[in-house]
Amino acid sequence: MKSIFKMDERLGISLPRLQKEWEDYTKEEQQAILLKWEEIRGTIPDRIYELETIINEKQAQLGEESNFERSCQLNHDISELASIINDLWIWYRLNQHVSKAIHT
């Protein structure tokens, strides 16, 4: 499984990196991949919550910041974190059908 799921440092979760067509995996391999993905997918809301907490901290700092350069950096950091959250939601929603496939 480690060769199929690679840690995405930016998102903070492992993502599937299939090395062959889905149909070329055995049913057992497909099932194992789906179960592992559901395990990872289940951590996405917690990861989003962590990032939202950091955003809130940075917004509070921004409200107190008088240094223009530091304000720009905080805005940049907030923007990047929001982008990561957006990507995590895409992965979470894009693969909702996976849980259905596991149970069929």
PDB file of N, CA and C in Angstrom:
ATOM      1  N   MET A   1       0.819  -1.201   0.000  1.00  0.00           N
ATOM      2  CA  MET A   1       0.000   0.000   0.000  1.00  0.00           C
ATOM      3  C   MET A   1       0.863   1.265   0.000  1.00  0.00           C
ATOM      4  N   LYS A   2       2.035   1.194   0.608  1.00  0.00           N
ATOM      5  CA  LYS A   2       2.882   2.389   0.678  1.00  0.00           C
ATOM      6  C   LYS A   2       3.271   2.890  -0.706  1.00  0.00           C
ATOM      7  N   SER A   3       3.398   1.971  -1.653  1.00  0.00           N
ATOM      8  CA  SER A   3       3.788   2.405  -2.996  1.00  0.00           C
ATOM      9  C   SER A   3       2.622   3.057  -3.729  1.00  0.00           C
ATOM     10  N   ILE A   4       1.403   2.819  -3.286  1.00  0.00           N
ATOM     11  CA  ILE A   4       0.232   3.401  -3.933  1.00  0.00           C
ATOM     12  C   ILE A   4      -0.117   4.755  -3.324  1.00  0.00           C
ATOM     13  N   PHE A   5       0.041   4.897  -2.026  1.00  0.00           N
ATOM     14  CA  PHE A   5      -0.301   6.147  -1.342  1.00  0.00           C
ATOM     15  C   PHE A   5       0.976   6.894  -0.983  1.00  0.00           C
ATOM     16  N   LYS A   6       1.058   8.122  -1.468  1.00  0.00           N
ATOM     17  CA  LYS A   6       2.230   8.976  -1.228  1.00  0.00           C
ATOM     18  C   LYS A   6       1.794  10.202  -0.434  1.00  0.00           C
ATOM     19  N   MET A   7       2.612  10.550   0.544  1.00  0.00           N
ATOM     20  CA  MET A   7       2.318  11.724   1.359  1.00  0.00           C
ATOM     21  C   MET A   7       2.442  12.979   0.517  1.00  0.00           C
ATOM     22  N   ASP A   8       1.391  13.778   0.548  1.00  0.00           N
ATOM     23  CA  ASP A   8       1.411  15.091  -0.086  1.00  0.00           C
ATOM     24  C   ASP A   8       1.710  16.085   1.029  1.00  0.00           C
ATOM     25  N   GLU A   9       2.910  16.608   1.014  1.00  0.00           N
ATOM     26  CA  GLU A   9       3.352  17.489   2.101  1.00  0.00           C
ATOM     27  C   GLU A   9       2.487  18.738   2.208  1.00  0.00           C
ATOM     28  N   ARG A  10       2.070  19.263   1.085  1.00  0.00           N
ATOM     29  CA  ARG A  10       1.251  20.480   1.098  1.00  0.00           C
ATOM     30  C   ARG A  10      -0.098  20.237   1.765  1.00  0.00           C
ATOM     31  N   LEU A  11      -0.748  19.129   1.403  1.00  0.00           N
ATOM     32  CA  LEU A  11      -2.068  18.843   1.958  1.00  0.00           C
ATOM     33  C   LEU A  11      -1.998  18.190   3.329  1.00  0.00           C
ATOM     34  N   GLY A  12      -0.906  17.522   3.619  1.00  0.00           N
ATOM     35  CA  GLY A  12      -0.761  16.872   4.909  1.00  0.00           C
ATOM     36  C   GLY A  12      -1.467  15.524   4.998  1.00  0.00           C
ATOM     37  N   ILE A  13      -1.788  14.940   3.854  1.00  0.00           N
ATOM     38  CA  ILE A  13      -2.394  13.608   3.805  1.00  0.00           C
ATOM     39  C   ILE A  13      -1.738  12.813   2.674  1.00  0.00           C
ATOM     40  N   SER A  14      -1.915  11.510   2.738  1.00  0.00           N
ATOM     41  CA  SER A  14      -1.442  10.664   1.649  1.00  0.00           C
ATOM     42  C   SER A  14      -2.498  10.618   0.557  1.00  0.00           C
ATOM     43  N   LEU A  15      -2.040  10.637  -0.685  1.00  0.00           N
ATOM     44  CA  LEU A  15      -2.945  10.590  -1.828  1.00  0.00           C
ATOM     45  C   LEU A  15      -2.636   9.360  -2.672  1.00  0.00           C
ATOM     46  N   PRO A  16      -3.659   8.808  -3.316  1.00  0.00           N
ATOM     47  CA  PRO A  16      -3.425   7.643  -4.170  1.00  0.00           C
ATOM     48  C   PRO A  16      -2.669   8.026  -5.430  1.00  0.00           C
ATOM     49  N   ARG A  17      -1.701   7.226  -5.766  1.00  0.00           N
ATOM     50  CA  ARG A  17      -0.926   7.387  -6.993  1.00  0.00           C
ATOM     51  C   ARG A  17      -0.915   6.019  -7.675  1.00  0.00           C
ATOM     52  N   LEU A  18      -1.991   5.751  -8.392  1.00  0.00           N
ATOM     53  CA  LEU A  18      -2.115   4.443  -9.041  1.00  0.00           C
ATOM     54  C   LEU A  18      -1.069   4.308 -10.126  1.00  0.00           C
ATOM     55  N   GLN A  19      -0.423   3.154 -10.155  1.00  0.00           N
ATOM     56  CA  GLN A  19       0.657   2.924 -11.105  1.00  0.00           C
ATOM     57  C   GLN A  19       0.204   2.130 -12.321  1.00  0.00           C
ATOM     58  N   LYS A  20      -1.054   1.734 -12.307  1.00  0.00           N
ATOM     59  CA  LYS A  20      -1.627   1.043 -13.456  1.00  0.00           C
ATOM     60  C   LYS A  20      -3.116   1.336 -13.496  1.00  0.00           C
ATOM     61  N   GLU A  21      -3.768   0.915 -14.525  1.00  0.00           N
ATOM     62  CA  GLU A  21      -5.206   1.145 -14.655  1.00  0.00           C
ATOM     63  C   GLU A  21      -5.943   0.412 -13.536  1.00  0.00           C
ATOM     64  N   TRP A  22      -7.036   1.011 -13.069  1.00  0.00           N
ATOM     65  CA  TRP A  22      -7.807   0.447 -11.970  1.00  0.00           C
ATOM     66  C   TRP A  22      -8.198  -1.003 -12.248  1.00  0.00           C
ATOM     67  N   GLU A  23      -8.607  -1.290 -13.477  1.00  0.00           N
ATOM     68  CA  GLU A  23      -9.063  -2.625 -13.844  1.00  0.00           C
ATOM     69  C   GLU A  23      -7.935  -3.657 -13.805  1.00  0.00           C
ATOM     70  N   ASP A  24      -6.690  -3.196 -13.820  1.00  0.00           N
ATOM     71  CA  ASP A  24      -5.545  -4.106 -13.788  1.00  0.00           C
ATOM     72  C   ASP A  24      -5.197  -4.574 -12.380  1.00  0.00           C
ATOM     73  N   TYR A  25      -5.795  -3.943 -11.373  1.00  0.00           N
ATOM     74  CA  TYR A  25      -5.611  -4.410 -10.003  1.00  0.00           C
ATOM     75  C   TYR A  25      -6.582  -5.554  -9.747  1.00  0.00           C
ATOM     76  N   THR A  26      -6.173  -6.509  -8.932  1.00  0.00           N
ATOM     77  CA  THR A  26      -7.080  -7.595  -8.571  1.00  0.00           C
ATOM     78  C   THR A  26      -8.197  -7.037  -7.693  1.00  0.00           C
ATOM     79  N   LYS A  27      -9.259  -7.778  -7.554  1.00  0.00           N
ATOM     80  CA  LYS A  27     -10.368  -7.346  -6.697  1.00  0.00           C
ATOM     81  C   LYS A  27      -9.887  -7.136  -5.261  1.00  0.00           C
ATOM     82  N   GLU A  28      -8.987  -7.990  -4.797  1.00  0.00           N
ATOM     83  CA  GLU A  28      -8.450  -7.857  -3.438  1.00  0.00           C
ATOM     84  C   GLU A  28      -7.626  -6.575  -3.307  1.00  0.00           C
ATOM     85  N   GLU A  29      -6.821  -6.290  -4.329  1.00  0.00           N
ATOM     86  CA  GLU A  29      -6.031  -5.055  -4.308  1.00  0.00           C
ATOM     87  C   GLU A  29      -6.943  -3.837  -4.346  1.00  0.00           C
ATOM     88  N   GLN A  30      -7.959  -3.882  -5.197  1.00  0.00           N
ATOM     89  CA  GLN A  30      -8.910  -2.772  -5.272  1.00  0.00           C
ATOM     90  C   GLN A  30      -9.564  -2.542  -3.919  1.00  0.00           C
ATOM     91  N   GLN A  31      -9.993  -3.607  -3.278  1.00  0.00           N
ATOM     92  CA  GLN A  31     -10.649  -3.500  -1.978  1.00  0.00           C
ATOM     93  C   GLN A  31      -9.700  -2.897  -0.943  1.00  0.00           C
ATOM     94  N   ALA A  32      -8.455  -3.351  -0.943  1.00  0.00           N
ATOM     95  CA  ALA A  32      -7.466  -2.822   0.001  1.00  0.00           C
ATOM     96  C   ALA A  32      -7.203  -1.338  -0.255  1.00  0.00           C
ATOM     97  N   ILE A  33      -7.114  -0.959  -1.521  1.00  0.00           N
ATOM     98  CA  ILE A  33      -6.894   0.447  -1.871  1.00  0.00           C
ATOM     99  C   ILE A  33      -8.075   1.290  -1.418  1.00  0.00           C
ATOM    100  N   LEU A  34      -9.276   0.815  -1.687  1.00  0.00           N
ATOM    101  CA  LEU A  34     -10.479   1.555  -1.300  1.00  0.00           C
ATOM    102  C   LEU A  34     -10.581   1.710   0.212  1.00  0.00           C
ATOM    103  N   LEU A  35     -10.271   0.652   0.941  1.00  0.00           N
ATOM    104  CA  LEU A  35     -10.332   0.730   2.401  1.00  0.00           C
ATOM    105  C   LEU A  35      -9.294   1.710   2.950  1.00  0.00           C
ATOM    106  N   LYS A  36      -8.090   1.658   2.393  1.00  0.00           N
ATOM    107  CA  LYS A  36      -7.038   2.586   2.824  1.00  0.00           C
ATOM    108  C   LYS A  36      -7.446   4.023   2.504  1.00  0.00           C
ATOM    109  N   TRP A  37      -8.006   4.256   1.310  1.00  0.00           N
ATOM    110  CA  TRP A  37      -8.423   5.608   0.956  1.00  0.00           C
ATOM    111  C   TRP A  37      -9.512   6.098   1.906  1.00  0.00           C
ATOM    112  N   GLU A  38     -10.469   5.257   2.239  1.00  0.00           N
ATOM    113  CA  GLU A  38     -11.526   5.670   3.157  1.00  0.00           C
ATOM    114  C   GLU A  38     -10.956   6.036   4.522  1.00  0.00           C
ATOM    115  N   GLU A  39      -9.929   5.317   4.950  1.00  0.00           N
ATOM    116  CA  GLU A  39      -9.257   5.637   6.212  1.00  0.00           C
ATOM    117  C   GLU A  39      -8.629   7.029   6.127  1.00  0.00           C
ATOM    118  N   ILE A  40      -7.927   7.284   5.041  1.00  0.00           N
ATOM    119  CA  ILE A  40      -7.278   8.586   4.835  1.00  0.00           C
ATOM    120  C   ILE A  40      -8.337   9.674   4.686  1.00  0.00           C
ATOM    121  N   ARG A  41      -9.337   9.406   3.868  1.00  0.00           N
ATOM    122  CA  ARG A  41     -10.412  10.376   3.611  1.00  0.00           C
ATOM    123  C   ARG A  41     -11.093  10.790   4.906  1.00  0.00           C
ATOM    124  N   GLY A  42     -11.212   9.860   5.831  1.00  0.00           N
ATOM    125  CA  GLY A  42     -11.840  10.161   7.114  1.00  0.00           C
ATOM    126  C   GLY A  42     -11.055  11.159   7.953  1.00  0.00           C
ATOM    127  N   THR A  43      -9.781  11.345   7.651  1.00  0.00           N
ATOM    128  CA  THR A  43      -8.966  12.307   8.403  1.00  0.00           C
ATOM    129  C   THR A  43      -9.047  13.719   7.836  1.00  0.00           C
ATOM    130  N   ILE A  44      -9.614  13.847   6.636  1.00  0.00           N
ATOM    131  CA  ILE A  44      -9.626  15.150   5.969  1.00  0.00           C
ATOM    132  C   ILE A  44     -10.376  16.213   6.776  1.00  0.00           C
ATOM    133  N   PRO A  45     -11.564  15.948   7.325  1.00  0.00           N
ATOM    134  CA  PRO A  45     -12.222  17.000   8.120  1.00  0.00           C
ATOM    135  C   PRO A  45     -11.380  17.468   9.309  1.00  0.00           C
ATOM    136  N   ASP A  46     -10.667  16.555   9.957  1.00  0.00           N
ATOM    137  CA  ASP A  46      -9.796  16.952  11.069  1.00  0.00           C
ATOM    138  C   ASP A  46      -8.644  17.818  10.578  1.00  0.00           C
ATOM    139  N   ARG A  47      -8.093  17.478   9.433  1.00  0.00           N
ATOM    140  CA  ARG A  47      -7.010  18.269   8.854  1.00  0.00           C
ATOM    141  C   ARG A  47      -7.505  19.672   8.508  1.00  0.00           C
ATOM    142  N   ILE A  48      -8.705  19.752   7.955  1.00  0.00           N
ATOM    143  CA  ILE A  48      -9.293  21.053   7.626  1.00  0.00           C
ATOM    144  C   ILE A  48      -9.490  21.874   8.896  1.00  0.00           C
ATOM    145  N   TYR A  49      -9.965  21.243   9.944  1.00  0.00           N
ATOM    146  CA  TYR A  49     -10.157  21.942  11.214  1.00  0.00           C
ATOM    147  C   TYR A  49      -8.827  22.506  11.732  1.00  0.00           C
ATOM    148  N   GLU A  50      -7.756  21.706  11.636  1.00  0.00           N
ATOM    149  CA  GLU A  50      -6.425  22.179  12.056  1.00  0.00           C
ATOM    150  C   GLU A  50      -6.028  23.436  11.283  1.00  0.00           C
ATOM    151  N   LEU A  51      -6.232  23.397   9.973  1.00  0.00           N
ATOM    152  CA  LEU A  51      -5.852  24.536   9.133  1.00  0.00           C
ATOM    153  C   LEU A  51      -6.726  25.754   9.413  1.00  0.00           C
ATOM    154  N   GLU A  52      -8.003  25.539   9.662  1.00  0.00           N
ATOM    155  CA  GLU A  52      -8.897  26.653  10.007  1.00  0.00           C
ATOM    156  C   GLU A  52      -8.469  27.302  11.312  1.00  0.00           C
ATOM    157  N   THR A  53      -8.007  26.510  12.257  1.00  0.00           N
ATOM    158  CA  THR A  53      -7.515  27.048  13.527  1.00  0.00           C
ATOM    159  C   THR A  53      -6.300  27.940  13.293  1.00  0.00           C
ATOM    160  N   ILE A  54      -5.401  27.502  12.425  1.00  0.00           N
ATOM    161  CA  ILE A  54      -4.221  28.303  12.104  1.00  0.00           C
ATOM    162  C   ILE A  54      -4.632  29.594  11.400  1.00  0.00           C
ATOM    163  N   ILE A  55      -5.589  29.494  10.485  1.00  0.00           N
ATOM    164  CA  ILE A  55      -6.087  30.698   9.801  1.00  0.00           C
ATOM    165  C   ILE A  55      -6.640  31.686  10.816  1.00  0.00           C
ATOM    166  N   ASN A  56      -7.435  31.204  11.754  1.00  0.00           N
ATOM    167  CA  ASN A  56      -8.009  32.085  12.776  1.00  0.00           C
ATOM    168  C   ASN A  56      -6.921  32.764  13.604  1.00  0.00           C
ATOM    169  N   GLU A  57      -5.866  32.029  13.931  1.00  0.00           N
ATOM    170  CA  GLU A  57      -4.751  32.615  14.685  1.00  0.00           C
ATOM    171  C   GLU A  57      -4.060  33.702  13.853  1.00  0.00           C
ATOM    172  N   LYS A  58      -3.846  33.421  12.586  1.00  0.00           N
ATOM    173  CA  LYS A  58      -3.181  34.397  11.719  1.00  0.00           C
ATOM    174  C   LYS A  58      -4.066  35.623  11.483  1.00  0.00           C
ATOM    175  N   GLN A  59      -5.380  35.426  11.380  1.00  0.00           N
ATOM    176  CA  GLN A  59      -6.285  36.566  11.236  1.00  0.00           C
ATOM    177  C   GLN A  59      -6.264  37.439  12.483  1.00  0.00           C
ATOM    178  N   ALA A  60      -6.177  36.802  13.637  1.00  0.00           N
ATOM    179  CA  ALA A  60      -6.079  37.574  14.883  1.00  0.00           C
ATOM    180  C   ALA A  60      -4.774  38.369  14.905  1.00  0.00           C
ATOM    181  N   GLN A  61      -3.681  37.758  14.474  1.00  0.00           N
ATOM    182  CA  GLN A  61      -2.400  38.461  14.394  1.00  0.00           C
ATOM    183  C   GLN A  61      -2.483  39.618  13.413  1.00  0.00           C
ATOM    184  N   LEU A  62      -3.159  39.378  12.295  1.00  0.00           N
ATOM    185  CA  LEU A  62      -3.306  40.407  11.266  1.00  0.00           C
ATOM    186  C   LEU A  62      -4.057  41.614  11.806  1.00  0.00           C
ATOM    187  N   GLY A  63      -5.053  41.361  12.634  1.00  0.00           N
ATOM    188  CA  GLY A  63      -5.821  42.456  13.226  1.00  0.00           C
ATOM    189  C   GLY A  63      -5.003  43.330  14.158  1.00  0.00           C
ATOM    190  N   GLU A  64      -3.914  42.782  14.665  1.00  0.00           N
ATOM    191  CA  GLU A  64      -3.050  43.517  15.600  1.00  0.00           C
ATOM    192  C   GLU A  64      -1.780  44.056  14.926  1.00  0.00           C
ATOM    193  N   GLU A  65      -1.539  43.627  13.697  1.00  0.00           N
ATOM    194  CA  GLU A  65      -0.268  43.938  13.030  1.00  0.00           C
ATOM    195  C   GLU A  65      -0.261  45.341  12.435  1.00  0.00           C
ATOM    196  N   SER A  66       0.831  46.067  12.697  1.00  0.00           N
ATOM    197  CA  SER A  66       0.968  47.404  12.127  1.00  0.00           C
ATOM    198  C   SER A  66       2.068  47.458  11.066  1.00  0.00           C
ATOM    199  N   ASN A  67       2.892  46.426  11.013  1.00  0.00           N
ATOM    200  CA  ASN A  67       3.965  46.365  10.023  1.00  0.00           C
ATOM    201  C   ASN A  67       3.389  45.876   8.694  1.00  0.00           C
ATOM    202  N   PHE A  68       3.536  46.710   7.661  1.00  0.00           N
ATOM    203  CA  PHE A  68       2.949  46.395   6.359  1.00  0.00           C
ATOM    204  C   PHE A  68       3.486  45.087   5.775  1.00  0.00           C
ATOM    205  N   GLU A  69       4.797  44.890   5.819  1.00  0.00           N
ATOM    206  CA  GLU A  69       5.383  43.671   5.264  1.00  0.00           C
ATOM    207  C   GLU A  69       4.889  42.432   5.996  1.00  0.00           C
ATOM    208  N   ARG A  70       4.795  42.522   7.306  1.00  0.00           N
ATOM    209  CA  ARG A  70       4.296  41.390   8.098  1.00  0.00           C
ATOM    210  C   ARG A  70       2.823  41.139   7.773  1.00  0.00           C
ATOM    211  N   SER A  71       2.051  42.203   7.573  1.00  0.00           N
ATOM    212  CA  SER A  71       0.642  42.059   7.200  1.00  0.00           C
ATOM    213  C   SER A  71       0.507  41.343   5.859  1.00  0.00           C
ATOM    214  N   CYS A  72       1.370  41.711   4.927  1.00  0.00           N
ATOM    215  CA  CYS A  72       1.353  41.048   3.614  1.00  0.00           C
ATOM    216  C   CYS A  72       1.686  39.569   3.751  1.00  0.00           C
ATOM    217  N   GLN A  73       2.655  39.256   4.587  1.00  0.00           N
ATOM    218  CA  GLN A  73       3.037  37.853   4.793  1.00  0.00           C
ATOM    219  C   GLN A  73       1.889  37.071   5.434  1.00  0.00           C
ATOM    220  N   LEU A  74       1.239  37.664   6.415  1.00  0.00           N
ATOM    221  CA  LEU A  74       0.105  36.998   7.057  1.00  0.00           C
ATOM    222  C   LEU A  74      -1.019  36.763   6.056  1.00  0.00           C
ATOM    223  N   ASN A  75      -1.307  37.759   5.224  1.00  0.00           N
ATOM    224  CA  ASN A  75      -2.327  37.594   4.184  1.00  0.00           C
ATOM    225  C   ASN A  75      -1.956  36.466   3.218  1.00  0.00           C
ATOM    226  N   HIS A  76      -0.692  36.415   2.851  1.00  0.00           N
ATOM    227  CA  HIS A  76      -0.223  35.350   1.967  1.00  0.00           C
ATOM    228  C   HIS A  76      -0.400  33.978   2.627  1.00  0.00           C
ATOM    229  N   ASP A  77      -0.009  33.882   3.886  1.00  0.00           N
ATOM    230  CA  ASP A  77      -0.141  32.620   4.627  1.00  0.00           C
ATOM    231  C   ASP A  77      -1.601  32.186   4.711  1.00  0.00           C
ATOM    232  N   ILE A  78      -2.476  33.125   5.002  1.00  0.00           N
ATOM    233  CA  ILE A  78      -3.913  32.830   5.103  1.00  0.00           C
ATOM    234  C   ILE A  78      -4.442  32.348   3.761  1.00  0.00           C
ATOM    235  N   SER A  79      -4.027  33.014   2.704  1.00  0.00           N
ATOM    236  CA  SER A  79      -4.456  32.632   1.362  1.00  0.00           C
ATOM    237  C   SER A  79      -3.994  31.220   1.014  1.00  0.00           C
ATOM    238  N   GLU A  80      -2.766  30.897   1.332  1.00  0.00           N
ATOM    239  CA  GLU A  80      -2.238  29.559   1.043  1.00  0.00           C
ATOM    240  C   GLU A  80      -2.976  28.495   1.849  1.00  0.00           C
ATOM    241  N   LEU A  81      -3.228  28.767   3.108  1.00  0.00           N
ATOM    242  CA  LEU A  81      -3.974  27.814   3.938  1.00  0.00           C
ATOM    243  C   LEU A  81      -5.389  27.607   3.411  1.00  0.00           C
ATOM    244  N   ALA A  82      -6.021  28.681   2.968  1.00  0.00           N
ATOM    245  CA  ALA A  82      -7.372  28.576   2.401  1.00  0.00           C
ATOM    246  C   ALA A  82      -7.343  27.744   1.117  1.00  0.00           C
ATOM    247  N   SER A  83      -6.295  27.890   0.337  1.00  0.00           N
ATOM    248  CA  SER A  83      -6.139  27.103  -0.886  1.00  0.00           C
ATOM    249  C   SER A  83      -5.988  25.616  -0.564  1.00  0.00           C
ATOM    250  N   ILE A  84      -5.237  25.312   0.470  1.00  0.00           N
ATOM    251  CA  ILE A  84      -5.066  23.920   0.897  1.00  0.00           C
ATOM    252  C   ILE A  84      -6.402  23.343   1.343  1.00  0.00           C
ATOM    253  N   ILE A  85      -7.159  24.116   2.116  1.00  0.00           N
ATOM    254  CA  ILE A  85      -8.480  23.664   2.563  1.00  0.00           C
ATOM    255  C   ILE A  85      -9.372  23.380   1.364  1.00  0.00           C
ATOM    256  N   ASN A  86      -9.352  24.269   0.393  1.00  0.00           N
ATOM    257  CA  ASN A  86     -10.151  24.065  -0.815  1.00  0.00           C
ATOM    258  C   ASN A  86      -9.762  22.758  -1.515  1.00  0.00           C
ATOM    259  N   ASP A  87      -8.473  22.512  -1.655  1.00  0.00           N
ATOM    260  CA  ASP A  87      -8.016  21.281  -2.294  1.00  0.00           C
ATOM    261  C   ASP A  87      -8.415  20.047  -1.496  1.00  0.00           C
ATOM    262  N   LEU A  88      -8.340  20.142  -0.173  1.00  0.00           N
ATOM    263  CA  LEU A  88      -8.761  19.015   0.659  1.00  0.00           C
ATOM    264  C   LEU A  88     -10.244  18.715   0.477  1.00  0.00           C
ATOM    265  N   TRP A  89     -11.064  19.762   0.429  1.00  0.00           N
ATOM    266  CA  TRP A  89     -12.499  19.546   0.200  1.00  0.00           C
ATOM    267  C   TRP A  89     -12.741  18.914  -1.163  1.00  0.00           C
ATOM    268  N   ILE A  90     -11.981  19.316  -2.156  1.00  0.00           N
ATOM    269  CA  ILE A  90     -12.127  18.709  -3.488  1.00  0.00           C
ATOM    270  C   ILE A  90     -11.833  17.214  -3.408  1.00  0.00           C
ATOM    271  N   TRP A  91     -10.734  16.842  -2.763  1.00  0.00           N
ATOM    272  CA  TRP A  91     -10.419  15.423  -2.613  1.00  0.00           C
ATOM    273  C   TRP A  91     -11.502  14.701  -1.828  1.00  0.00           C
ATOM    274  N   TYR A  92     -11.999  15.329  -0.792  1.00  0.00           N
ATOM    275  CA  TYR A  92     -13.021  14.706   0.047  1.00  0.00           C
ATOM    276  C   TYR A  92     -14.300  14.458  -0.743  1.00  0.00           C
ATOM    277  N   ARG A  93     -14.746  15.456  -1.469  1.00  0.00           N
ATOM    278  CA  ARG A  93     -16.003  15.349  -2.226  1.00  0.00           C
ATOM    279  C   ARG A  93     -15.853  14.530  -3.499  1.00  0.00           C
ATOM    280  N   LEU A  94     -14.743  14.705  -4.172  1.00  0.00           N
ATOM    281  CA  LEU A  94     -14.506  14.013  -5.424  1.00  0.00           C
ATOM    282  C   LEU A  94     -14.577  12.507  -5.245  1.00  0.00           C
ATOM    283  N   ASN A  95     -14.202  12.034  -4.118  1.00  0.00           N
ATOM    284  CA  ASN A  95     -14.106  10.604  -3.891  1.00  0.00           C
ATOM    285  C   ASN A  95     -15.191  10.061  -2.986  1.00  0.00           C
ATOM    286  N   GLN A  96     -16.316  10.750  -2.874  1.00  0.00           N
ATOM    287  CA  GLN A  96     -17.410  10.247  -2.050  1.00  0.00           C
ATOM    288  C   GLN A  96     -17.933   8.922  -2.579  1.00  0.00           C
ATOM    289  N   HIS A  97     -17.847   8.713  -3.874  1.00  0.00           N
ATOM    290  CA  HIS A  97     -18.341   7.466  -4.455  1.00  0.00           C
ATOM    291  C   HIS A  97     -17.531   6.267  -4.011  1.00  0.00           C
ATOM    292  N   VAL A  98     -16.329   6.487  -3.482  1.00  0.00           N
ATOM    293  CA  VAL A  98     -15.475   5.379  -3.048  1.00  0.00           C
ATOM    294  C   VAL A  98     -16.148   4.590  -1.932  1.00  0.00           C
ATOM    295  N   SER A  99     -16.737   5.290  -0.986  1.00  0.00           N
ATOM    296  CA  SER A  99     -17.366   4.573   0.126  1.00  0.00           C
ATOM    297  C   SER A  99     -18.514   3.711  -0.368  1.00  0.00           C
ATOM    298  N   LYS A 100     -19.192   4.160  -1.399  1.00  0.00           N
ATOM    299  CA  LYS A 100     -20.261   3.337  -1.967  1.00  0.00           C
ATOM    300  C   LYS A 100     -19.689   2.090  -2.616  1.00  0.00           C
ATOM    301  N   ALA A 101     -18.551   2.231  -3.273  1.00  0.00           N
ATOM    302  CA  ALA A 101     -17.923   1.092  -3.941  1.00  0.00           C
ATOM    303  C   ALA A 101     -17.465   0.047  -2.929  1.00  0.00           C
ATOM    304  N   ILE A 102     -17.039   0.499  -1.759  1.00  0.00           N
ATOM    305  CA  ILE A 102     -16.579  -0.438  -0.735  1.00  0.00           C
ATOM    306  C   ILE A 102     -17.733  -1.321  -0.260  1.00  0.00           C
ATOM    307  N   HIS A 103     -18.890  -0.743  -0.158  1.00  0.00           N
ATOM    308  CA  HIS A 103     -20.030  -1.451   0.411  1.00  0.00           C
ATOM    309  C   HIS A 103     -20.858  -2.212  -0.618  1.00  0.00           C
ATOM    310  N   THR A 104     -20.429  -2.214  -1.883  1.00  0.00           N
ATOM    311  CA  THR A 104     -21.197  -2.946  -2.896  1.00  0.00           C
ATOM    312  C   THR A 104     -20.554  -4.281  -3.184  1.00  0.00           C
TER     313      THR A 104
END
